[in-house]
Amino acid sequence: MGLPIVVVVAEQHPILRTSLAALLSHDGYRVFQAEDLNATLSCINRIRDLAVLLADLDMPGWKSIVQHALDTAPDAFVVAMAGVERIPEISALNQHGVQMCLEKPLILRMFARRLVKSSDDEMRRDCRGHWR
């Protein structure tokens, strides 16, 4: 059995951030939490094996966060989260490296199932062996 998959939850709302982190940790992921741009960049800099970034589109600097994550870990799977009234077109998000966008408020178990399915489909090709 390999190492746990590393996830960064970059979310400015503390209840959602800690809930996501708890859910993912319970499901076996190694989770790091960050509440703002500086905390997220610092977190990404400390991690060597980032596999998934969950980025809050309401967080100032989200584009810089995504870019830094992909510069640091080019194979990272990037998931954006936004309120329904603020969700950009997926093509615009794709230009910034985002592979999936989820509406807030998130239903946590549905989120976990969707992340696992998308990650499995996308990461099956990952030669690092983190995903099965």
Protein backbone atom coordinates (compact mmCIF):
# COMPACT_ATOMS: atom_id res chain seq x y z
CA MET A 1 0.00 0.00 0.00
CA GLY A 2 1.40 3.39 -1.04
CA LEU A 3 1.64 6.64 0.81
CA PRO A 4 -1.56 8.60 1.41
CA ILE A 5 -2.58 11.03 -1.31
CA VAL A 6 -1.69 14.60 -0.37
CA VAL A 7 -4.44 17.23 -0.59
CA VAL A 8 -4.31 20.96 0.10
CA VAL A 9 -7.64 22.56 1.03
CA ALA A 10 -7.33 26.29 0.29
CA GLU A 11 -10.62 27.66 1.62
CA GLN A 12 -11.23 30.94 3.43
CA HIS A 13 -14.33 29.76 5.30
CA PRO A 14 -13.15 27.87 8.40
CA ILE A 15 -16.14 25.57 8.80
CA LEU A 16 -16.00 24.34 5.19
CA ARG A 17 -12.19 24.06 5.30
CA THR A 18 -12.12 22.00 8.49
CA SER A 19 -15.08 19.86 7.40
CA LEU A 20 -13.44 19.02 4.07
CA ALA A 21 -10.16 18.29 5.80
CA ALA A 22 -11.84 16.01 8.34
CA LEU A 23 -13.76 14.13 5.65
CA LEU A 24 -10.70 13.64 3.46
CA SER A 25 -8.50 12.65 6.41
CA HIS A 26 -11.10 10.11 7.48
CA ASP A 27 -11.04 8.68 3.94
CA GLY A 28 -7.25 8.22 4.13
CA TYR A 29 -5.91 11.36 2.48
CA ARG A 30 -3.10 13.41 4.02
CA VAL A 31 -4.64 16.88 4.23
CA PHE A 32 -3.16 20.34 4.72
CA GLN A 33 -5.39 23.35 5.35
CA ALA A 34 -4.80 26.97 4.32
CA GLU A 35 -7.03 29.95 4.96
CA ASP A 36 -5.57 32.56 2.61
CA LEU A 37 -3.12 33.20 -0.23
CA ASN A 38 0.03 33.40 1.90
CA ALA A 39 -0.84 30.34 3.98
CA THR A 40 -1.59 28.33 0.84
CA LEU A 41 1.64 29.31 -0.93
CA SER A 42 3.62 28.48 2.20
CA CYS A 43 1.84 25.14 2.54
CA ILE A 44 2.51 24.21 -1.09
CA ASN A 45 6.18 25.12 -0.64
CA ARG A 46 6.49 22.70 2.31
CA ILE A 47 4.90 19.75 0.50
CA ARG A 48 6.86 17.54 -1.90
CA ASP A 49 4.07 15.31 -3.15
CA LEU A 50 1.00 17.47 -3.75
CA ALA A 51 -1.60 15.44 -5.64
CA VAL A 52 -4.83 17.45 -5.23
CA LEU A 53 -5.51 21.15 -4.70
CA LEU A 54 -8.97 22.30 -3.64
CA ALA A 55 -9.06 26.04 -4.36
CA ASP A 56 -11.72 28.49 -3.20
CA LEU A 57 -12.53 30.82 -6.11
CA ASP A 58 -13.76 33.41 -3.61
CA MET A 59 -10.27 33.57 -2.09
CA PRO A 60 -8.25 36.57 -3.27
CA GLY A 61 -5.28 35.31 -5.28
CA TRP A 62 -6.77 31.96 -6.28
CA LYS A 63 -5.18 32.15 -9.74
CA SER A 64 -1.74 32.61 -8.13
CA ILE A 65 -2.43 29.63 -5.86
CA VAL A 66 -3.36 27.38 -8.79
CA GLN A 67 -0.37 28.54 -10.84
CA HIS A 68 2.05 27.99 -7.95
CA ALA A 69 0.62 24.54 -7.24
CA LEU A 70 1.01 23.51 -10.88
CA ASP A 71 4.51 25.00 -11.08
CA THR A 72 5.44 22.97 -7.99
CA ALA A 73 3.49 19.80 -8.85
CA PRO A 74 2.62 19.76 -12.58
CA ASP A 75 0.54 16.59 -12.24
CA ALA A 76 -1.64 17.92 -9.42
CA PHE A 77 -5.39 17.59 -9.87
CA VAL A 78 -6.95 21.04 -9.34
CA VAL A 79 -10.52 21.39 -8.12
CA ALA A 80 -12.13 24.83 -7.86
CA MET A 81 -14.99 25.57 -5.47
CA ALA A 82 -17.36 28.52 -5.88
CA GLY A 83 -20.81 29.74 -5.01
CA VAL A 84 -23.29 29.00 -7.78
CA GLU A 85 -23.58 32.68 -8.74
CA ARG A 86 -19.80 32.97 -9.14
CA ILE A 87 -18.89 29.89 -11.16
CA PRO A 88 -16.99 30.88 -14.30
CA GLU A 89 -17.20 28.93 -17.54
CA ILE A 90 -15.19 25.71 -17.28
CA SER A 91 -13.17 26.69 -20.36
CA ALA A 92 -11.98 29.81 -18.53
CA LEU A 93 -11.05 27.72 -15.51
CA ASN A 94 -9.26 25.17 -17.72
CA GLN A 95 -7.02 27.97 -19.01
CA HIS A 96 -5.80 28.41 -15.43
CA GLY A 97 -5.23 24.68 -14.89
CA VAL A 98 -8.48 23.88 -13.09
CA GLN A 99 -9.81 20.42 -14.02
CA MET A 100 -13.08 20.43 -12.05
CA CYS A 101 -15.37 23.01 -10.46
CA LEU A 102 -17.81 22.30 -7.63
CA GLU A 103 -20.68 24.44 -6.37
CA LYS A 104 -20.84 25.62 -2.81
CA PRO A 105 -22.37 24.74 -0.51
CA LEU A 106 -20.81 21.33 -0.92
CA ILE A 107 -22.55 18.19 0.19
CA LEU A 108 -19.50 16.52 1.66
CA ARG A 109 -20.15 12.85 0.88
CA MET A 110 -21.20 13.68 -2.70
CA PHE A 111 -18.02 15.73 -2.99
CA ALA A 112 -15.87 12.82 -1.80
CA ARG A 113 -17.45 10.41 -4.30
CA ARG A 114 -17.05 12.87 -7.17
CA LEU A 115 -13.43 13.61 -6.27
CA VAL A 116 -12.56 9.92 -6.09
CA LYS A 117 -14.22 9.16 -9.44
CA SER A 118 -12.62 12.14 -11.21
CA SER A 119 -9.27 11.50 -9.61
CA ASP A 120 -9.35 7.81 -10.51
CA ASP A 121 -10.23 8.60 -14.12
CA GLU A 122 -7.62 11.34 -14.43
CA MET A 123 -4.85 9.91 -12.30
CA ARG A 124 -4.94 6.32 -13.46
CA ARG A 125 -2.36 7.45 -16.00
CA ASP A 126 -0.13 8.94 -13.30
CA CYS A 127 3.17 7.05 -13.43
CA ARG A 128 4.07 8.08 -9.87
CA GLY A 129 1.77 5.33 -8.58
CA HIS A 130 -0.03 7.48 -6.00
CA TRP A 131 -3.45 6.63 -7.43
CA ARG A 132 -4.79 3.17 -8.01
